[in-house]
Amino acid sequence: MVKISIMYPNTKNARFDMNYYLNTHMPMSIAKLSVAPGFRGVSVERGVGGGAPDSEPTYIAMCHYLFDSVEDFLAAFHPHAALLQGDMPNYTDLTPIMQVSTVEIRQ
């Protein structure tokens, strides 16, 4: 199983419309990707603090998709890439950081 993480860095003066992201973009993204073979789940997180007391979070938001394989994710994402990436200016001016990880432990 793989986790595809899309992380939005907490950058000074960046624009991120959390309401739009949670209530418009993510429902659209989930509707498109969750019907694909190999989809196993999704979570969205809002950063609230950093590692030190009273510090800012490293990321404003993070989205984590679980798929059986990278190939399953790519097959799900590519037909909708233009739509989903084209919607990004509606909620942010940030460039997200993406990471693909192998899930070693999941309970």
Protein backbone atom coordinates (compact mmCIF):
# COMPACT_ATOMS: atom_id res chain seq x y z
CA MET A 1 0.00 0.00 0.00
CA VAL A 2 1.18 3.54 -0.74
CA LYS A 3 0.33 6.90 0.72
CA ILE A 4 0.33 9.92 -1.58
CA SER A 5 0.80 13.02 0.59
CA ILE A 6 0.03 16.50 -0.71
CA MET A 7 1.32 19.07 1.77
CA TYR A 8 0.84 22.82 1.67
CA PRO A 9 3.74 24.61 3.40
CA ASN A 10 2.95 27.31 5.92
CA THR A 11 4.56 30.15 4.01
CA LYS A 12 4.32 33.76 5.18
CA ASN A 13 1.82 35.82 3.14
CA ALA A 14 0.56 32.74 1.29
CA ARG A 15 -3.13 32.45 0.50
CA PHE A 16 -4.99 29.31 1.52
CA ASP A 17 -8.79 29.23 1.65
CA MET A 18 -9.43 26.34 4.04
CA ASN A 19 -13.21 26.59 3.66
CA TYR A 20 -13.00 26.20 -0.13
CA TYR A 21 -10.44 23.40 0.20
CA LEU A 22 -12.53 21.40 2.68
CA ASN A 23 -15.98 22.05 1.25
CA THR A 24 -15.41 22.28 -2.51
CA HIS A 25 -12.03 21.01 -3.69
CA MET A 26 -11.71 17.93 -1.50
CA PRO A 27 -15.27 16.65 -2.08
CA MET A 28 -14.64 16.98 -5.82
CA SER A 29 -11.26 15.23 -5.54
CA ILE A 30 -12.66 12.44 -3.37
CA ALA A 31 -15.60 11.90 -5.73
CA LYS A 32 -13.22 11.47 -8.67
CA LEU A 33 -10.50 9.36 -7.06
CA SER A 34 -12.42 7.21 -4.59
CA VAL A 35 -14.25 5.23 -7.29
CA ALA A 36 -10.97 4.02 -8.83
CA PRO A 37 -9.63 0.50 -8.31
CA GLY A 38 -7.04 0.37 -5.56
CA PHE A 39 -8.43 3.32 -3.57
CA ARG A 40 -8.22 2.58 0.16
CA GLY A 41 -8.91 5.89 1.87
CA VAL A 42 -8.16 9.57 2.29
CA SER A 43 -7.54 11.92 5.18
CA VAL A 44 -7.17 15.69 5.35
CA GLU A 45 -5.38 17.45 8.17
CA ARG A 46 -5.18 21.10 9.21
CA GLY A 47 -1.90 22.19 10.77
CA VAL A 48 -2.34 23.74 14.21
CA GLY A 49 1.17 23.89 15.65
CA GLY A 50 4.80 23.00 15.19
CA GLY A 51 7.17 20.85 17.19
CA ALA A 52 8.05 23.57 19.68
CA PRO A 53 5.47 25.07 22.04
CA ASP A 54 3.56 27.98 20.50
CA SER A 55 5.28 27.54 17.12
CA GLU A 56 3.56 27.69 13.76
CA PRO A 57 2.73 24.46 11.93
CA THR A 58 5.07 23.37 9.15
CA TYR A 59 2.09 22.79 6.86
CA ILE A 60 -1.21 24.65 6.60
CA ALA A 61 -2.93 21.51 5.36
CA MET A 62 -2.08 17.99 4.29
CA CYS A 63 -4.02 15.49 2.24
CA HIS A 64 -3.13 11.79 2.30
CA TYR A 65 -4.54 9.32 -0.21
CA LEU A 66 -4.10 5.58 0.29
CA PHE A 67 -3.94 3.32 -2.76
CA ASP A 68 -2.84 -0.26 -3.34
CA SER A 69 -0.05 0.98 -5.63
CA VAL A 70 1.42 4.06 -7.25
CA GLU A 71 0.08 2.77 -10.56
CA ASP A 72 -3.45 2.66 -9.12
CA PHE A 73 -3.11 6.24 -7.92
CA LEU A 74 -1.79 7.46 -11.26
CA ALA A 75 -4.57 5.65 -13.14
CA ALA A 76 -7.12 7.33 -10.86
CA PHE A 77 -5.51 10.78 -10.96
CA HIS A 78 -4.48 11.27 -14.59
CA PRO A 79 -8.01 11.44 -16.09
CA HIS A 80 -8.84 14.24 -13.62
CA ALA A 81 -5.45 15.97 -13.32
CA ALA A 82 -6.38 19.04 -15.36
CA LEU A 83 -9.59 19.55 -13.39
CA LEU A 84 -8.04 19.06 -9.95
CA GLN A 85 -4.86 21.02 -10.61
CA GLY A 86 -6.85 23.70 -12.42
CA ASP A 87 -8.94 24.19 -9.29
CA MET A 88 -5.92 24.96 -7.11
CA PRO A 89 -5.89 28.73 -7.80
CA ASN A 90 -9.37 28.84 -6.27
CA TYR A 91 -7.97 28.02 -2.84
CA THR A 92 -4.23 28.70 -2.79
CA ASP A 93 -1.24 30.36 -4.37
CA LEU A 94 1.11 27.79 -2.80
CA THR A 95 2.96 25.06 -4.63
CA PRO A 96 2.26 21.84 -2.71
CA ILE A 97 4.94 19.38 -1.75
CA MET A 98 4.14 15.82 -2.76
CA GLN A 99 5.55 12.62 -1.37
CA VAL A 100 4.85 8.98 -2.13
CA SER A 101 5.48 6.61 0.76
CA THR A 102 5.15 2.91 1.29
CA VAL A 103 2.87 2.21 4.24
CA GLU A 104 4.77 -0.14 6.50
CA ILE A 105 2.36 -0.28 9.44
CA ARG A 106 -1.37 0.47 9.45
CA GLN A 107 -3.85 -0.49 12.14
